[in-house]
N, C-alpha and C. Protein backbone atom coordinates (compact mmCIF):
# COMPACT_ATOMS: atom_id res chain seq x y z
N MET A 1 0.84 -0.50 -0.09
CA MET A 1 0.20 0.41 0.09
C MET A 1 0.85 1.14 -0.08
N VAL A 2 0.82 2.39 -1.12
CA VAL A 2 1.71 3.64 -0.95
C VAL A 2 0.11 4.66 -0.80
N HIS A 3 1.06 6.04 -0.80
CA HIS A 3 0.42 6.95 -0.66
C HIS A 3 -0.66 7.17 0.37
N VAL A 4 0.27 6.80 1.97
CA VAL A 4 -0.10 7.31 2.84
C VAL A 4 1.01 7.83 3.85
N SER A 5 0.53 8.39 5.16
CA SER A 5 0.93 9.20 6.32
C SER A 5 1.41 8.10 7.26
N TRP A 6 2.59 8.00 7.98
CA TRP A 6 2.72 7.78 9.41
C TRP A 6 1.51 7.48 9.98
N ASN A 7 0.80 8.96 10.17
CA ASN A 7 -0.45 8.50 11.32
C ASN A 7 -1.14 7.89 10.57
N ASP A 8 -2.01 7.55 8.90
CA ASP A 8 -2.69 7.11 8.19
C ASP A 8 -2.57 5.55 9.14
N VAL A 9 -1.01 4.92 9.20
CA VAL A 9 -0.67 3.71 9.27
C VAL A 9 -0.67 3.53 10.78
N LYS A 10 -0.34 4.50 11.59
CA LYS A 10 -0.67 3.77 12.49
C LYS A 10 -2.61 3.61 12.87
N SER A 11 -2.93 4.17 12.29
CA SER A 11 -4.68 4.19 12.74
C SER A 11 -4.93 3.05 12.09
N PHE A 12 -4.16 2.34 11.00
CA PHE A 12 -4.79 1.08 10.07
C PHE A 12 -4.25 -0.13 11.36
N ILE A 13 -3.24 0.29 11.67
CA ILE A 13 -2.58 -0.82 12.79
C ILE A 13 -3.40 -1.08 13.61
N LYS A 14 -4.09 0.28 14.43
CA LYS A 14 -5.05 -0.07 15.23
C LYS A 14 -6.35 -0.77 15.17
N ARG A 15 -6.56 -0.48 14.27
CA ARG A 15 -8.08 -1.31 13.73
C ARG A 15 -7.45 -2.57 13.42
N LEU A 16 -6.72 -3.04 12.92
CA LEU A 16 -6.14 -4.35 12.39
C LEU A 16 -6.17 -4.82 13.65
N ASN A 17 -5.04 -4.88 14.51
CA ASN A 17 -4.89 -5.18 15.79
C ASN A 17 -6.04 -5.26 16.80
N GLN A 18 -7.57 -5.05 16.41
CA GLN A 18 -8.75 -5.01 17.73
C GLN A 18 -9.15 -6.50 17.77
N GLY A 19 -8.75 -6.90 16.76
CA GLY A 19 -9.12 -8.64 16.86
C GLY A 19 -7.81 -9.61 17.65
N GLY A 20 -6.98 -8.96 18.06
CA GLY A 20 -6.07 -9.81 19.09
C GLY A 20 -4.61 -9.78 18.19
N ALA A 21 -4.56 -9.27 17.22
CA ALA A 21 -3.20 -9.75 16.50
C ALA A 21 -2.26 -8.65 16.66
N GLY A 22 -0.83 -8.92 16.26
CA GLY A 22 0.10 -8.34 16.64
C GLY A 22 1.06 -7.58 15.83
N PHE A 23 0.56 -7.08 14.95
CA PHE A 23 0.92 -6.01 13.83
C PHE A 23 1.78 -4.54 14.33
N ARG A 24 3.12 -4.60 13.52
CA ARG A 24 3.70 -3.22 13.90
C ARG A 24 4.12 -2.92 12.99
N LEU A 25 4.17 -1.96 12.98
CA LEU A 25 5.92 -1.29 12.04
C LEU A 25 7.11 -1.73 12.80
N PRO A 26 7.96 -2.01 11.44
CA PRO A 26 8.90 -2.45 11.87
C PRO A 26 9.85 -1.36 12.61
N THR A 27 11.36 -1.77 13.58
CA THR A 27 12.00 -0.29 13.98
C THR A 27 13.16 -0.19 12.74
N GLU A 28 13.75 0.70 12.61
CA GLU A 28 14.56 1.07 11.38
C GLU A 28 15.57 0.50 11.94
N ALA A 29 16.01 -0.92 12.48
CA ALA A 29 17.11 -1.60 12.81
C ALA A 29 16.60 -3.44 12.57
N GLU A 30 15.30 -3.27 12.91
CA GLU A 30 14.60 -4.36 11.77
C GLU A 30 14.86 -4.22 10.36
N TRP A 31 14.30 -3.50 9.85
CA TRP A 31 14.25 -3.17 8.10
C TRP A 31 15.21 -3.30 8.34
N GLU A 32 16.43 -2.67 8.37
CA GLU A 32 17.82 -2.93 7.87
C GLU A 32 18.33 -4.40 7.79
N TYR A 33 18.39 -4.93 9.14
CA TYR A 33 18.12 -6.46 8.78
C TYR A 33 17.76 -7.10 8.17
N ALA A 34 16.40 -6.80 7.89
CA ALA A 34 15.56 -8.03 6.60
C ALA A 34 16.32 -7.27 5.36
N ALA A 35 16.13 -6.51 5.10
CA ALA A 35 17.26 -5.61 3.87
C ALA A 35 18.19 -6.29 3.33
N ARG A 36 18.93 -6.05 4.64
CA ARG A 36 20.28 -7.02 4.13
C ARG A 36 20.59 -8.17 3.79
N ALA A 37 19.64 -9.26 4.76
CA ALA A 37 19.33 -10.67 4.62
C ALA A 37 21.17 -11.49 5.27
N GLU A 38 21.61 -10.94 6.07
CA GLU A 38 22.70 -11.42 6.34
C GLU A 38 23.88 -11.39 5.38
N THR A 39 23.75 -10.08 4.68
CA THR A 39 24.86 -9.35 3.63
C THR A 39 25.52 -8.20 4.07
N LYS A 40 26.92 -8.07 3.97
CA LYS A 40 27.35 -6.80 4.49
C LYS A 40 27.54 -5.61 3.38
N THR A 41 27.14 -5.81 2.28
CA THR A 41 27.30 -5.06 0.78
C THR A 41 25.88 -4.01 1.13
N ALA A 42 26.54 -3.19 -0.38
CA ALA A 42 25.75 -1.72 -0.32
C ALA A 42 23.79 -2.39 -0.84
N PHE A 43 23.87 -3.90 -0.82
CA PHE A 43 22.73 -3.76 -1.54
C PHE A 43 22.15 -5.32 -1.24
N ALA A 44 21.42 -6.16 -0.80
CA ALA A 44 21.22 -7.42 -0.44
C ALA A 44 21.77 -8.51 -1.61
N PHE A 45 21.64 -7.65 -3.15
CA PHE A 45 22.69 -8.29 -4.18
C PHE A 45 24.24 -8.35 -4.13
N GLY A 46 24.92 -7.67 -3.68
CA GLY A 46 26.18 -6.91 -3.83
C GLY A 46 26.32 -5.85 -3.61
N ASN A 47 27.02 -5.09 -4.25
CA ASN A 47 27.66 -3.87 -4.70
C ASN A 47 27.34 -2.83 -5.70
N ARG A 48 26.67 -3.79 -6.79
CA ARG A 48 26.12 -3.12 -7.64
C ARG A 48 24.95 -3.24 -7.84
N LEU A 49 23.83 -2.15 -8.69
CA LEU A 49 22.68 -2.46 -8.60
C LEU A 49 22.26 -1.64 -9.89
N SER A 50 21.24 -2.14 -10.61
CA SER A 50 20.80 -2.21 -12.04
C SER A 50 18.97 -1.90 -11.95
N SER A 51 18.53 -1.44 -12.98
CA SER A 51 17.24 -1.43 -12.91
C SER A 51 16.69 -2.74 -13.20
N ASP A 52 17.44 -3.82 -13.14
CA ASP A 52 16.73 -4.75 -13.46
C ASP A 52 16.98 -5.72 -12.51
N GLN A 53 17.17 -5.21 -11.17
CA GLN A 53 17.23 -5.36 -10.08
C GLN A 53 16.42 -5.42 -9.24
N ALA A 54 16.10 -4.04 -9.22
CA ALA A 54 14.94 -3.03 -8.05
C ALA A 54 14.11 -1.91 -9.00
N ASN A 55 13.32 -1.14 -8.30
CA ASN A 55 12.35 -0.24 -9.10
C ASN A 55 13.11 0.89 -8.82
N PHE A 56 13.97 1.62 -9.42
CA PHE A 56 14.65 2.93 -9.30
C PHE A 56 14.84 3.41 -10.54
N ASP A 57 15.80 4.87 -10.16
CA ASP A 57 15.82 5.69 -11.63
C ASP A 57 17.29 5.13 -12.33
N GLY A 58 16.73 4.30 -13.15
CA GLY A 58 17.34 3.20 -13.71
C GLY A 58 18.67 4.08 -14.24
N GLN A 59 18.54 5.62 -14.91
CA GLN A 59 19.70 6.23 -15.33
C GLN A 59 21.17 6.69 -13.99
N ARG A 60 20.58 6.12 -13.19
CA ARG A 60 21.49 6.66 -11.72
C ARG A 60 21.98 5.48 -11.21
N PRO A 61 21.82 4.41 -12.12
CA PRO A 61 22.59 3.03 -10.96
C PRO A 61 24.04 3.42 -10.10
N TYR A 62 24.19 2.03 -9.63
CA TYR A 62 25.37 2.19 -8.39
C TYR A 62 26.20 1.06 -9.26
N GLY A 63 27.40 1.73 -8.61
CA GLY A 63 28.60 0.36 -8.65
C GLY A 63 28.90 0.18 -9.89
N GLY A 64 28.54 0.83 -10.65
CA GLY A 64 29.35 0.73 -12.57
C GLY A 64 28.50 -0.34 -12.74
N ALA A 65 27.48 -0.52 -12.38
CA ALA A 65 25.72 -1.15 -12.66
C ALA A 65 25.69 -0.44 -14.11
N PRO A 66 25.38 -0.93 -14.97
CA PRO A 66 24.58 -0.77 -16.63
C PRO A 66 23.17 0.21 -16.13
N HIS A 67 22.95 1.27 -17.45
CA HIS A 67 21.97 2.12 -16.98
C HIS A 67 20.78 1.64 -17.65
N GLY A 68 19.85 1.59 -17.25
CA GLY A 68 18.02 0.63 -17.35
C GLY A 68 17.63 1.82 -17.66
N PRO A 69 16.20 1.40 -17.80
CA PRO A 69 15.30 1.97 -18.06
C PRO A 69 14.64 2.65 -16.70
N ILE A 70 14.04 4.08 -17.03
CA ILE A 70 13.11 4.18 -15.70
C ILE A 70 12.20 4.05 -15.32
N MET A 71 11.08 3.46 -14.48
CA MET A 71 9.69 2.75 -14.35
C MET A 71 8.71 3.80 -14.18
N SER A 72 9.70 4.99 -13.71
CA SER A 72 8.20 5.70 -13.54
C SER A 72 6.93 5.91 -12.33
N ASN A 73 6.96 4.99 -11.53
CA ASN A 73 6.32 4.63 -11.27
C ASN A 73 5.79 3.42 -9.99
N ILE A 74 5.15 2.88 -9.39
CA ILE A 74 5.79 2.08 -8.26
C ILE A 74 5.22 0.57 -9.71
N THR A 75 5.88 -0.44 -8.95
CA THR A 75 5.42 -1.66 -9.51
C THR A 75 4.64 -2.90 -8.45
N ALA A 76 4.43 -3.71 -9.54
CA ALA A 76 3.65 -4.60 -8.42
C ALA A 76 4.98 -5.59 -7.60
N VAL A 77 4.97 -6.03 -6.16
CA VAL A 77 5.83 -6.45 -6.17
C VAL A 77 5.54 -7.91 -6.21
N GLY A 78 7.21 -8.69 -6.49
CA GLY A 78 7.29 -10.04 -7.27
C GLY A 78 8.02 -9.47 -8.12
N ARG A 79 7.71 -8.50 -8.92
CA ARG A 79 8.62 -8.03 -10.45
C ARG A 79 9.98 -8.17 -10.70
N TYR A 80 10.75 -8.23 -9.10
CA TYR A 80 11.96 -8.41 -9.06
C TYR A 80 12.16 -8.74 -8.36
N GLN A 81 13.21 -10.17 -8.38
CA GLN A 81 14.02 -10.77 -7.14
C GLN A 81 14.18 -10.46 -6.10
N PRO A 82 13.44 -11.86 -5.03
CA PRO A 82 13.53 -11.41 -3.61
C PRO A 82 14.80 -11.55 -3.38
N ASN A 83 15.39 -10.53 -1.64
CA ASN A 83 16.47 -11.14 -1.78
C ASN A 83 16.71 -12.56 -0.57
N GLU A 84 18.12 -12.70 -0.03
CA GLU A 84 18.22 -14.79 0.41
C GLU A 84 17.44 -15.01 1.07
N TRP A 85 16.37 -14.19 1.73
CA TRP A 85 15.57 -14.48 2.55
C TRP A 85 14.20 -14.26 2.36
N GLY A 86 14.07 -14.07 0.57
CA GLY A 86 12.96 -14.00 0.48
C GLY A 86 11.84 -12.59 0.36
N VAL A 87 12.87 -11.57 0.91
CA VAL A 87 12.04 -10.32 1.13
C VAL A 87 11.58 -9.76 -0.26
N TYR A 88 10.85 -9.53 -0.69
CA TYR A 88 10.27 -8.13 -2.05
C TYR A 88 10.91 -6.87 -1.97
N ASP A 89 11.37 -6.57 -2.75
CA ASP A 89 11.21 -4.70 -2.74
C ASP A 89 11.99 -4.69 -1.75
N MET A 90 13.12 -4.80 -1.36
CA MET A 90 13.19 -3.60 0.08
C MET A 90 14.48 -2.77 -0.29
N HIS A 91 14.59 -2.83 -1.83
CA HIS A 91 15.64 -1.57 -2.54
C HIS A 91 14.78 -0.98 -3.20
N GLY A 92 14.04 0.34 -3.49
CA GLY A 92 13.58 0.87 -4.56
C GLY A 92 11.71 1.14 -4.19
N ASN A 93 11.16 1.13 -5.43
CA ASN A 93 10.10 0.53 -5.35
C ASN A 93 9.19 1.62 -4.45
N ALA A 94 8.92 1.87 -2.94
CA ALA A 94 8.28 2.70 -2.50
C ALA A 94 9.70 2.72 -1.03
N GLU A 95 9.44 3.64 -0.74
CA GLU A 95 10.19 4.33 0.33
C GLU A 95 9.16 3.87 1.68
N GLU A 96 9.82 3.61 2.57
CA GLU A 96 8.72 2.45 3.70
C GLU A 96 9.10 3.49 4.71
N LEU A 97 8.10 3.35 5.80
CA LEU A 97 7.67 3.97 6.65
C LEU A 97 8.10 3.43 7.62
N VAL A 98 8.76 3.86 9.04
CA VAL A 98 9.26 2.49 9.93
C VAL A 98 8.79 3.41 11.41
N GLU A 99 8.79 2.73 12.37
CA GLU A 99 8.50 2.67 13.25
C GLU A 99 9.64 4.67 14.24
N ASP A 100 10.42 4.13 14.28
CA ASP A 100 11.42 5.51 14.46
C ASP A 100 11.15 6.93 14.14
N VAL A 101 11.25 7.78 15.58
CA VAL A 101 11.27 9.56 14.95
C VAL A 101 13.06 9.25 14.13
N TYR A 102 13.37 10.09 13.41
CA TYR A 102 14.35 10.55 12.63
C TYR A 102 15.35 11.26 13.66
N ASN A 103 16.45 10.67 13.44
CA ASN A 103 17.53 11.30 14.53
C ASN A 103 18.97 11.84 13.17
N GLY A 104 19.46 12.47 12.85
CA GLY A 104 20.33 12.81 12.04
C GLY A 104 21.42 11.95 11.90
N SER A 105 21.70 11.29 13.68
CA SER A 105 22.93 10.21 13.19
C SER A 105 22.68 9.12 14.27
N TYR A 106 23.44 8.40 14.44
CA TYR A 106 22.73 6.74 15.27
C TYR A 106 23.49 6.87 16.54
N ALA A 107 24.10 8.51 17.00
CA ALA A 107 24.56 8.72 18.48
C ALA A 107 23.74 8.23 19.74
N ASN A 108 23.80 7.80 20.80
CA ASN A 108 23.23 8.20 21.69
C ASN A 108 21.75 6.77 21.29
N LEU A 109 21.53 5.98 20.71
CA LEU A 109 20.14 5.48 20.06
C LEU A 109 20.46 4.10 21.14
N ASP A 110 20.05 3.22 21.48
CA ASP A 110 19.54 1.92 21.94
C ASP A 110 19.65 0.93 21.47
N GLU A 111 20.76 0.26 21.23
CA GLU A 111 22.20 -0.56 21.32
C GLU A 111 20.70 -2.06 20.97
N THR A 112 20.02 -1.90 21.49
CA THR A 112 19.02 -3.35 21.12
C THR A 112 18.08 -3.43 19.53
N GLY A 113 18.11 -2.75 18.74
CA GLY A 113 17.18 -2.27 18.09
C GLY A 113 16.15 -1.95 17.80
N SER A 114 15.55 -1.30 19.27
CA SER A 114 13.70 -0.95 19.38
C SER A 114 14.12 0.26 18.69
N ALA A 115 12.72 0.97 18.53
CA ALA A 115 12.59 2.38 18.07
C ALA A 115 13.39 3.63 19.19
N ASN A 116 13.60 4.09 17.91
CA ASN A 116 13.80 5.56 18.72
C ASN A 116 12.76 6.31 18.95
N GLU A 117 12.63 6.75 20.14
CA GLU A 117 11.64 7.53 20.11
C GLU A 117 11.66 8.91 20.89
N VAL A 118 13.12 9.62 20.18
CA VAL A 118 13.40 10.86 20.72
C VAL A 118 14.23 11.56 19.39
N GLY A 119 13.95 12.57 19.15
CA GLY A 119 14.05 13.31 17.90
C GLY A 119 15.41 14.09 18.12
N GLU A 120 15.74 14.57 16.70
CA GLU A 120 16.44 15.67 17.27
C GLU A 120 16.24 16.63 17.90
N TYR A 121 14.89 17.21 17.84
CA TYR A 121 14.11 18.08 18.61
C TYR A 121 13.06 17.59 19.15
N PRO A 122 12.22 17.88 20.47
CA PRO A 122 11.33 17.39 20.93
C PRO A 122 9.97 17.86 20.09
N GLY A 123 9.21 16.79 20.10
CA GLY A 123 7.86 16.97 19.73
C GLY A 123 7.93 17.28 18.01
N SER A 124 9.24 16.43 17.59
CA SER A 124 9.86 16.53 15.89
C SER A 124 8.33 15.48 15.19
N PRO A 125 7.83 16.50 14.13
CA PRO A 125 7.23 14.97 13.31
C PRO A 125 7.87 14.30 12.26
N MET A 126 9.48 14.60 12.41
CA MET A 126 9.75 13.42 11.70
C MET A 126 9.78 11.75 11.87
N ARG A 127 9.93 11.16 10.81
CA ARG A 127 9.51 9.68 11.12
C ARG A 127 10.64 9.34 10.27
N VAL A 128 11.29 8.62 10.33
CA VAL A 128 12.64 7.71 9.15
C VAL A 128 11.60 6.82 8.44
N VAL A 129 12.51 7.05 7.55
CA VAL A 129 11.83 6.19 6.14
C VAL A 129 13.29 5.23 5.46
N ARG A 130 12.88 4.07 4.72
CA ARG A 130 13.70 3.31 4.61
C ARG A 130 13.46 2.91 3.21
N GLY A 131 14.47 2.17 2.18
CA GLY A 131 14.07 2.03 1.13
C GLY A 131 14.73 2.07 0.05
N GLY A 132 14.36 3.80 -0.46
CA GLY A 132 14.25 4.55 -1.42
C GLY A 132 12.58 4.30 -2.05
N SER A 133 12.87 4.71 -3.20
CA SER A 133 11.94 4.87 -4.27
C SER A 133 12.03 5.00 -5.42
N TYR A 134 11.21 4.88 -6.69
CA TYR A 134 11.05 4.11 -7.67
C TYR A 134 11.89 5.88 -8.45
N GLU A 135 11.76 6.61 -7.81
CA GLU A 135 12.07 7.96 -7.94
C GLU A 135 13.65 8.22 -7.76
N LEU A 136 14.00 7.62 -7.02
CA LEU A 136 15.40 7.65 -6.54
C LEU A 136 17.19 7.41 -7.35
N SER A 137 18.12 7.63 -6.89
CA SER A 137 19.08 7.16 -8.07
C SER A 137 19.42 5.63 -7.17
N GLY A 138 20.36 4.70 -7.17
CA GLY A 138 20.95 3.70 -6.95
C GLY A 138 21.24 3.99 -5.41
N VAL A 139 22.47 5.32 -5.21
CA VAL A 139 22.90 5.55 -4.35
C VAL A 139 22.03 5.47 -2.71
N GLN A 140 20.60 5.74 -2.63
CA GLN A 140 19.61 6.69 -2.31
C GLN A 140 19.08 5.30 -2.19
N VAL A 141 18.76 4.03 -2.88
CA VAL A 141 18.29 3.03 -2.17
C VAL A 141 19.48 1.89 -1.74
N ARG A 142 20.20 2.23 -1.21
CA ARG A 142 21.43 1.36 -0.59
C ARG A 142 20.49 0.95 0.70
N SER A 143 20.86 -0.49 1.16
CA SER A 143 20.18 -0.86 2.39
C SER A 143 20.72 -0.21 3.33
N GLY A 144 21.76 0.44 3.75
CA GLY A 144 21.96 1.81 5.27
C GLY A 144 21.71 3.17 4.70
N SER A 145 21.04 3.68 3.14
CA SER A 145 20.04 4.54 3.14
C SER A 145 19.12 5.08 4.03
N ARG A 146 19.37 6.37 4.46
CA ARG A 146 17.77 6.66 5.11
C ARG A 146 17.24 7.98 4.84
N ASP A 147 16.31 8.60 5.28
CA ASP A 147 15.50 9.33 4.95
C ASP A 147 14.73 9.93 6.23
N ARG A 148 13.76 10.88 6.01
CA ARG A 148 12.77 11.26 6.78
C ARG A 148 11.88 11.98 6.15
N GLU A 149 10.79 11.53 6.78
CA GLU A 149 9.51 12.02 6.52
C GLU A 149 8.18 12.75 7.54
N ALA A 150 7.28 14.08 7.44
CA ALA A 150 6.87 13.95 8.29
C ALA A 150 5.72 13.01 8.28
N ARG A 151 5.33 12.70 10.01
CA ARG A 151 4.21 11.93 10.05
C ARG A 151 3.03 11.79 9.76
N PHE A 152 2.64 13.39 8.97
CA PHE A 152 1.18 13.18 8.52
C PHE A 152 1.64 13.83 7.06
N ARG A 153 2.80 13.10 6.49
CA ARG A 153 2.50 13.77 5.08
C ARG A 153 2.42 12.21 4.34
N SER A 154 1.90 12.37 3.17
CA SER A 154 1.83 11.09 2.10
C SER A 154 2.17 11.41 1.22
N HIS A 155 2.27 10.50 -0.35
CA HIS A 155 2.81 10.66 -1.62
C HIS A 155 2.83 9.23 -2.69
N MET A 156 2.90 9.55 -2.96
CA MET A 156 2.67 7.88 -4.52
C MET A 156 4.06 7.38 -3.59
N GLY A 157 5.06 7.84 -3.44
CA GLY A 157 6.23 7.08 -3.29
C GLY A 157 6.29 6.49 -2.08
N LEU A 158 5.18 6.60 -1.22
CA LEU A 158 5.77 6.33 0.72
C LEU A 158 4.85 5.48 0.63
N GLY A 159 5.17 4.04 1.40
CA GLY A 159 4.63 2.96 1.54
C GLY A 159 4.76 2.51 2.93
N PHE A 160 4.92 1.21 3.57
CA PHE A 160 4.96 0.38 4.73
C PHE A 160 5.06 -0.80 4.46
N ARG A 161 5.61 -2.38 5.00
CA ARG A 161 5.49 -3.32 5.62
C ARG A 161 4.99 -3.57 6.88
N LEU A 162 4.74 -4.22 7.36
CA LEU A 162 4.41 -4.34 8.68
C LEU A 162 5.21 -6.08 9.30
N VAL A 163 4.76 -6.12 10.61
CA VAL A 163 5.61 -6.87 11.37
C VAL A 163 4.62 -7.56 12.26
N LEU A 164 4.68 -8.91 12.18
CA LEU A 164 3.70 -9.61 13.01
C LEU A 164 4.39 -9.99 13.83
N THR A 165 4.09 -9.82 15.35
CA THR A 165 4.87 -10.21 16.56
C THR A 165 3.67 -11.60 17.19
N LEU A 166 4.66 -13.06 16.95
CA LEU A 166 4.19 -14.20 17.27
C LEU A 166 4.02 -13.84 18.88
N ASP A 167 4.47 -13.78 19.58
CA ASP A 167 4.59 -14.11 20.49
C ASP A 167 3.82 -13.22 22.15
N ARG A 168 2.53 -13.04 21.17
CA ARG A 168 1.74 -11.98 22.17
C ARG A 168 0.91 -13.00 23.00
């Protein structure tokens, strides 16, 4: 699902969980762990990325990969190969909202991978987004790349994925 704000997603999760389910947004650390799938490279597929591997601006590939087409829109999940863990579209397609409040650095963050609840400015509306989108360059869709979005803003290239907690 795309074109939703962080606030929209939180309302959706609240309704979804009324039946006793345990859905939530991933933390930033969980998102990156799933994106990397135990790799240490820029992408789950290595240190190069072309638009044959992910939906991003194919005219701006990464790591010497060949130039390719620009899709100019979100594509259906499953169009590209998943990472080694079977997770699709972690690089490009739509930026993904996570639970964390945006902080410009990782300094003073909890090392357990829990969500950061304190931003650089008290009451900050900015939330972390990961994964990049179809409009961005290869460097902006790396596993370690991150950005921010206001919690009330939505746009076509902004979406989410959920985590289901089974130990409830």
